[in-house]
Amino acid sequence: MVASFTVRRASRWQDSVRLLLLIDAAAKPLAEDETAPPSTVGVVHTQVRLQKLDFWVRYRCCWNW
């Protein structure tokens, strides 16, 4: 017997908001010795933090707080 699960798909708007939230949470201020365009407000050096935060946001049911 195979259980059927309904996979909830997010809309493009929901994906966009989630990504902006993740980038805002993972970005750090630009260091003095780093070069970047003048309009830069933050820097994300690695995707690992973004991936961890993305998992937490997508799978809220796994939170055991």
PDB file of N, CA and C in Angstrom:
ATOM      1  N   MET A   1       0.838  -1.178   0.000  1.00  0.00           N
ATOM      2  CA  MET A   1       0.000   0.000   0.000  1.00  0.00           C
ATOM      3  C   MET A   1       0.888   1.248   0.000  1.00  0.00           C
ATOM      4  N   VAL A   2       0.615   2.154  -0.887  1.00  0.00           N
ATOM      5  CA  VAL A   2       1.416   3.359  -1.038  1.00  0.00           C
ATOM      6  C   VAL A   2       0.590   4.556  -0.552  1.00  0.00           C
ATOM      7  N   ALA A   3       1.177   5.317   0.341  1.00  0.00           N
ATOM      8  CA  ALA A   3       0.504   6.509   0.846  1.00  0.00           C
ATOM      9  C   ALA A   3       0.659   7.638  -0.165  1.00  0.00           C
ATOM     10  N   SER A   4      -0.386   8.392  -0.355  1.00  0.00           N
ATOM     11  CA  SER A   4      -0.297   9.532  -1.279  1.00  0.00           C
ATOM     12  C   SER A   4      -0.186  10.830  -0.473  1.00  0.00           C
ATOM     13  N   PHE A   5       0.784  11.603  -0.822  1.00  0.00           N
ATOM     14  CA  PHE A   5       1.023  12.880  -0.162  1.00  0.00           C
ATOM     15  C   PHE A   5       0.798  13.998  -1.156  1.00  0.00           C
ATOM     16  N   THR A   6       0.194  15.062  -0.706  1.00  0.00           N
ATOM     17  CA  THR A   6       0.014  16.240  -1.538  1.00  0.00           C
ATOM     18  C   THR A   6       1.180  17.182  -1.295  1.00  0.00           C
ATOM     19  N   VAL A   7       1.875  17.503  -2.354  1.00  0.00           N
ATOM     20  CA  VAL A   7       3.008  18.417  -2.253  1.00  0.00           C
ATOM     21  C   VAL A   7       2.499  19.829  -2.496  1.00  0.00           C
ATOM     22  N   ARG A   8       2.709  20.685  -1.511  1.00  0.00           N
ATOM     23  CA  ARG A   8       2.275  22.073  -1.630  1.00  0.00           C
ATOM     24  C   ARG A   8       3.315  22.850  -2.412  1.00  0.00           C
ATOM     25  N   ARG A   9       2.908  23.472  -3.460  1.00  0.00           N
ATOM     26  CA  ARG A   9       3.802  24.287  -4.287  1.00  0.00           C
ATOM     27  C   ARG A   9       3.603  25.757  -3.941  1.00  0.00           C
ATOM     28  N   ALA A  10       4.710  26.452  -3.794  1.00  0.00           N
ATOM     29  CA  ALA A  10       4.648  27.881  -3.491  1.00  0.00           C
ATOM     30  C   ALA A  10       4.492  28.665  -4.789  1.00  0.00           C
ATOM     31  N   SER A  11       3.876  29.800  -4.681  1.00  0.00           N
ATOM     32  CA  SER A  11       3.745  30.676  -5.846  1.00  0.00           C
ATOM     33  C   SER A  11       5.075  31.402  -6.072  1.00  0.00           C
ATOM     34  N   ARG A  12       5.202  32.004  -7.205  1.00  0.00           N
ATOM     35  CA  ARG A  12       6.425  32.764  -7.513  1.00  0.00           C
ATOM     36  C   ARG A  12       6.601  33.910  -6.522  1.00  0.00           C
ATOM     37  N   TRP A  13       5.483  34.539  -6.143  1.00  0.00           N
ATOM     38  CA  TRP A  13       5.524  35.619  -5.168  1.00  0.00           C
ATOM     39  C   TRP A  13       6.037  35.115  -3.826  1.00  0.00           C
ATOM     40  N   GLN A  14       5.543  33.958  -3.370  1.00  0.00           N
ATOM     41  CA  GLN A  14       5.996  33.391  -2.099  1.00  0.00           C
ATOM     42  C   GLN A  14       7.480  33.036  -2.151  1.00  0.00           C
ATOM     43  N   ASP A  15       7.922  32.479  -3.266  1.00  0.00           N
ATOM     44  CA  ASP A  15       9.348  32.162  -3.420  1.00  0.00           C
ATOM     45  C   ASP A  15      10.193  33.430  -3.361  1.00  0.00           C
ATOM     46  N   SER A  16       9.737  34.486  -4.016  1.00  0.00           N
ATOM     47  CA  SER A  16      10.483  35.750  -4.033  1.00  0.00           C
ATOM     48  C   SER A  16      10.602  36.349  -2.641  1.00  0.00           C
ATOM     49  N   VAL A  17       9.502  36.345  -1.903  1.00  0.00           N
ATOM     50  CA  VAL A  17       9.517  36.891  -0.546  1.00  0.00           C
ATOM     51  C   VAL A  17      10.430  36.059   0.344  1.00  0.00           C
ATOM     52  N   ARG A  18      10.359  34.734   0.220  1.00  0.00           N
ATOM     53  CA  ARG A  18      11.205  33.851   1.021  1.00  0.00           C
ATOM     54  C   ARG A  18      12.689  34.107   0.724  1.00  0.00           C
ATOM     55  N   LEU A  19      13.039  34.247  -0.552  1.00  0.00           N
ATOM     56  CA  LEU A  19      14.437  34.494  -0.908  1.00  0.00           C
ATOM     57  C   LEU A  19      14.931  35.839  -0.398  1.00  0.00           C
ATOM     58  N   LEU A  20      14.088  36.863  -0.493  1.00  0.00           N
ATOM     59  CA  LEU A  20      14.487  38.176   0.034  1.00  0.00           C
ATOM     60  C   LEU A  20      14.686  38.117   1.545  1.00  0.00           C
ATOM     61  N   LEU A  21      13.815  37.410   2.232  1.00  0.00           N
ATOM     62  CA  LEU A  21      13.946  37.229   3.681  1.00  0.00           C
ATOM     63  C   LEU A  21      15.253  36.519   4.014  1.00  0.00           C
ATOM     64  N   LEU A  22      15.566  35.463   3.274  1.00  0.00           N
ATOM     65  CA  LEU A  22      16.787  34.698   3.529  1.00  0.00           C
ATOM     66  C   LEU A  22      18.044  35.524   3.262  1.00  0.00           C
ATOM     67  N   ILE A  23      18.045  36.250   2.167  1.00  0.00           N
ATOM     68  CA  ILE A  23      19.214  37.081   1.845  1.00  0.00           C
ATOM     69  C   ILE A  23      19.394  38.170   2.897  1.00  0.00           C
ATOM     70  N   ASP A  24      18.303  38.767   3.329  1.00  0.00           N
ATOM     71  CA  ASP A  24      18.384  39.800   4.365  1.00  0.00           C
ATOM     72  C   ASP A  24      18.933  39.226   5.669  1.00  0.00           C
ATOM     73  N   ALA A  25      18.514  38.013   6.021  1.00  0.00           N
ATOM     74  CA  ALA A  25      18.966  37.392   7.267  1.00  0.00           C
ATOM     75  C   ALA A  25      20.422  36.925   7.174  1.00  0.00           C
ATOM     76  N   ALA A  26      20.854  36.497   5.995  1.00  0.00           N
ATOM     77  CA  ALA A  26      22.202  35.939   5.851  1.00  0.00           C
ATOM     78  C   ALA A  26      23.261  36.989   5.509  1.00  0.00           C
ATOM     79  N   ALA A  27      22.854  38.132   4.992  1.00  0.00           N
ATOM     80  CA  ALA A  27      23.821  39.152   4.567  1.00  0.00           C
ATOM     81  C   ALA A  27      24.480  39.818   5.769  1.00  0.00           C
ATOM     82  N   LYS A  28      25.746  40.098   5.601  1.00  0.00           N
ATOM     83  CA  LYS A  28      26.506  40.798   6.632  1.00  0.00           C
ATOM     84  C   LYS A  28      27.001  42.125   6.056  1.00  0.00           C
ATOM     85  N   PRO A  29      27.240  43.102   6.912  1.00  0.00           N
ATOM     86  CA  PRO A  29      27.728  44.402   6.415  1.00  0.00           C
ATOM     87  C   PRO A  29      29.053  44.248   5.676  1.00  0.00           C
ATOM     88  N   LEU A  30      29.268  45.108   4.733  1.00  0.00           N
ATOM     89  CA  LEU A  30      30.497  45.104   3.951  1.00  0.00           C
ATOM     90  C   LEU A  30      31.671  45.505   4.832  1.00  0.00           C
ATOM     91  N   ALA A  31      32.746  44.725   4.786  1.00  0.00           N
ATOM     92  CA  ALA A  31      33.943  45.033   5.564  1.00  0.00           C
ATOM     93  C   ALA A  31      34.694  46.199   4.912  1.00  0.00           C
ATOM     94  N   GLU A  32      35.504  46.854   5.694  1.00  0.00           N
ATOM     95  CA  GLU A  32      36.255  48.019   5.210  1.00  0.00           C
ATOM     96  C   GLU A  32      37.195  47.668   4.059  1.00  0.00           C
ATOM     97  N   ASP A  33      37.796  46.472   4.100  1.00  0.00           N
ATOM     98  CA  ASP A  33      38.789  46.109   3.087  1.00  0.00           C
ATOM     99  C   ASP A  33      38.177  45.431   1.850  1.00  0.00           C
ATOM    100  N   GLU A  34      36.855  45.262   1.815  1.00  0.00           N
ATOM    101  CA  GLU A  34      36.206  44.630   0.669  1.00  0.00           C
ATOM    102  C   GLU A  34      35.823  45.672  -0.372  1.00  0.00           C
ATOM    103  N   THR A  35      35.925  45.280  -1.629  1.00  0.00           N
ATOM    104  CA  THR A  35      35.504  46.174  -2.697  1.00  0.00           C
ATOM    105  C   THR A  35      34.185  45.670  -3.270  1.00  0.00           C
ATOM    106  N   ALA A  36      33.283  46.580  -3.495  1.00  0.00           N
ATOM    107  CA  ALA A  36      31.970  46.243  -4.036  1.00  0.00           C
ATOM    108  C   ALA A  36      31.377  47.506  -4.648  1.00  0.00           C
ATOM    109  N   PRO A  37      30.332  47.343  -5.445  1.00  0.00           N
ATOM    110  CA  PRO A  37      29.679  48.533  -6.006  1.00  0.00           C
ATOM    111  C   PRO A  37      29.197  49.469  -4.897  1.00  0.00           C
ATOM    112  N   PRO A  38      29.122  50.758  -5.158  1.00  0.00           N
ATOM    113  CA  PRO A  38      28.749  51.737  -4.131  1.00  0.00           C
ATOM    114  C   PRO A  38      27.375  51.499  -3.497  1.00  0.00           C
ATOM    115  N   SER A  39      26.458  50.879  -4.216  1.00  0.00           N
ATOM    116  CA  SER A  39      25.109  50.678  -3.679  1.00  0.00           C
ATOM    117  C   SER A  39      24.970  49.394  -2.854  1.00  0.00           C
ATOM    118  N   THR A  40      26.068  48.690  -2.621  1.00  0.00           N
ATOM    119  CA  THR A  40      26.026  47.439  -1.868  1.00  0.00           C
ATOM    120  C   THR A  40      25.691  47.700  -0.400  1.00  0.00           C
ATOM    121  N   VAL A  41      24.717  46.977   0.108  1.00  0.00           N
ATOM    122  CA  VAL A  41      24.318  47.144   1.515  1.00  0.00           C
ATOM    123  C   VAL A  41      24.692  45.934   2.367  1.00  0.00           C
ATOM    124  N   GLY A  42      24.990  44.802   1.738  1.00  0.00           N
ATOM    125  CA  GLY A  42      25.371  43.612   2.485  1.00  0.00           C
ATOM    126  C   GLY A  42      26.014  42.591   1.561  1.00  0.00           C
ATOM    127  N   VAL A  43      26.685  41.617   2.170  1.00  0.00           N
ATOM    128  CA  VAL A  43      27.408  40.602   1.410  1.00  0.00           C
ATOM    129  C   VAL A  43      27.078  39.225   1.969  1.00  0.00           C
ATOM    130  N   VAL A  44      26.852  38.274   1.073  1.00  0.00           N
ATOM    131  CA  VAL A  44      26.683  36.871   1.459  1.00  0.00           C
ATOM    132  C   VAL A  44      27.875  36.131   0.866  1.00  0.00           C
ATOM    133  N   HIS A  45      28.738  35.603   1.729  1.00  0.00           N
ATOM    134  CA  HIS A  45      29.969  34.969   1.258  1.00  0.00           C
ATOM    135  C   HIS A  45      29.797  33.494   0.926  1.00  0.00           C
ATOM    136  N   THR A  46      28.803  32.840   1.475  1.00  0.00           N
ATOM    137  CA  THR A  46      28.631  31.414   1.257  1.00  0.00           C
ATOM    138  C   THR A  46      27.149  31.061   1.192  1.00  0.00           C
ATOM    139  N   GLN A  47      26.829  29.994   0.506  1.00  0.00           N
ATOM    140  CA  GLN A  47      25.441  29.575   0.370  1.00  0.00           C
ATOM    141  C   GLN A  47      24.991  28.690   1.528  1.00  0.00           C
ATOM    142  N   VAL A  48      25.910  28.216   2.339  1.00  0.00           N
ATOM    143  CA  VAL A  48      25.560  27.287   3.414  1.00  0.00           C
ATOM    144  C   VAL A  48      24.547  27.904   4.375  1.00  0.00           C
ATOM    145  N   ARG A  49      24.782  29.120   4.793  1.00  0.00           N
ATOM    146  CA  ARG A  49      23.848  29.788   5.710  1.00  0.00           C
ATOM    147  C   ARG A  49      22.482  29.981   5.050  1.00  0.00           C
ATOM    148  N   LEU A  50      22.485  30.360   3.778  1.00  0.00           N
ATOM    149  CA  LEU A  50      21.224  30.508   3.054  1.00  0.00           C
ATOM    150  C   LEU A  50      20.468  29.184   2.986  1.00  0.00           C
ATOM    151  N   GLN A  51      21.173  28.097   2.742  1.00  0.00           N
ATOM    152  CA  GLN A  51      20.527  26.792   2.643  1.00  0.00           C
ATOM    153  C   GLN A  51      19.951  26.344   3.985  1.00  0.00           C
ATOM    154  N   LYS A  52      20.672  26.602   5.051  1.00  0.00           N
ATOM    155  CA  LYS A  52      20.166  26.247   6.382  1.00  0.00           C
ATOM    156  C   LYS A  52      18.911  27.049   6.715  1.00  0.00           C
ATOM    157  N   LEU A  53      18.956  28.346   6.472  1.00  0.00           N
ATOM    158  CA  LEU A  53      17.799  29.187   6.743  1.00  0.00           C
ATOM    159  C   LEU A  53      16.619  28.803   5.855  1.00  0.00           C
ATOM    160  N   ASP A  54      16.897  28.460   4.609  1.00  0.00           N
ATOM    161  CA  ASP A  54      15.841  28.053   3.694  1.00  0.00           C
ATOM    162  C   ASP A  54      15.145  26.790   4.200  1.00  0.00           C
ATOM    163  N   PHE A  55      15.905  25.843   4.709  1.00  0.00           N
ATOM    164  CA  PHE A  55      15.317  24.624   5.266  1.00  0.00           C
ATOM    165  C   PHE A  55      14.406  24.966   6.437  1.00  0.00           C
ATOM    166  N   TRP A  56      14.866  25.828   7.317  1.00  0.00           N
ATOM    167  CA  TRP A  56      14.061  26.201   8.490  1.00  0.00           C
ATOM    168  C   TRP A  56      12.773  26.900   8.095  1.00  0.00           C
ATOM    169  N   VAL A  57      12.845  27.743   7.071  1.00  0.00           N
ATOM    170  CA  VAL A  57      11.651  28.461   6.639  1.00  0.00           C
ATOM    171  C   VAL A  57      10.665  27.518   5.939  1.00  0.00           C
ATOM    172  N   ARG A  58      11.171  26.630   5.100  1.00  0.00           N
ATOM    173  CA  ARG A  58      10.295  25.719   4.360  1.00  0.00           C
ATOM    174  C   ARG A  58       9.662  24.657   5.243  1.00  0.00           C
ATOM    175  N   TYR A  59      10.405  24.142   6.203  1.00  0.00           N
ATOM    176  CA  TYR A  59       9.929  23.016   7.007  1.00  0.00           C
ATOM    177  C   TYR A  59       9.727  23.448   8.453  1.00  0.00           C
ATOM    178  N   ARG A  60       8.772  24.352   8.646  1.00  0.00           N
ATOM    179  CA  ARG A  60       8.470  24.856   9.982  1.00  0.00           C
ATOM    180  C   ARG A  60       7.979  23.743  10.901  1.00  0.00           C
ATOM    181  N   CYS A  61       7.393  22.685  10.334  1.00  0.00           N
ATOM    182  CA  CYS A  61       6.865  21.603  11.156  1.00  0.00           C
ATOM    183  C   CYS A  61       7.983  20.852  11.882  1.00  0.00           C
ATOM    184  N   CYS A  62       9.217  21.009  11.448  1.00  0.00           N
ATOM    185  CA  CYS A  62      10.344  20.314  12.086  1.00  0.00           C
ATOM    186  C   CYS A  62      10.873  21.054  13.308  1.00  0.00           C
ATOM    187  N   TRP A  63      10.349  22.249  13.564  1.00  0.00           N
ATOM    188  CA  TRP A  63      10.794  23.021  14.714  1.00  0.00           C
ATOM    189  C   TRP A  63      10.233  22.391  15.970  1.00  0.00           C
ATOM    190  N   ASN A  64      11.070  22.066  16.900  1.00  0.00           N
ATOM    191  CA  ASN A  64      10.644  21.500  18.181  1.00  0.00           C
ATOM    192  C   ASN A  64      10.945  22.474  19.298  1.00  0.00           C
ATOM    193  N   TRP A  65      10.298  23.630  19.274  1.00  0.00           N
ATOM    194  CA  TRP A  65      10.592  24.677  20.249  1.00  0.00           C
ATOM    195  C   TRP A  65       9.642  24.558  21.350  1.00  0.00           C
TER     196      TRP A  65
END
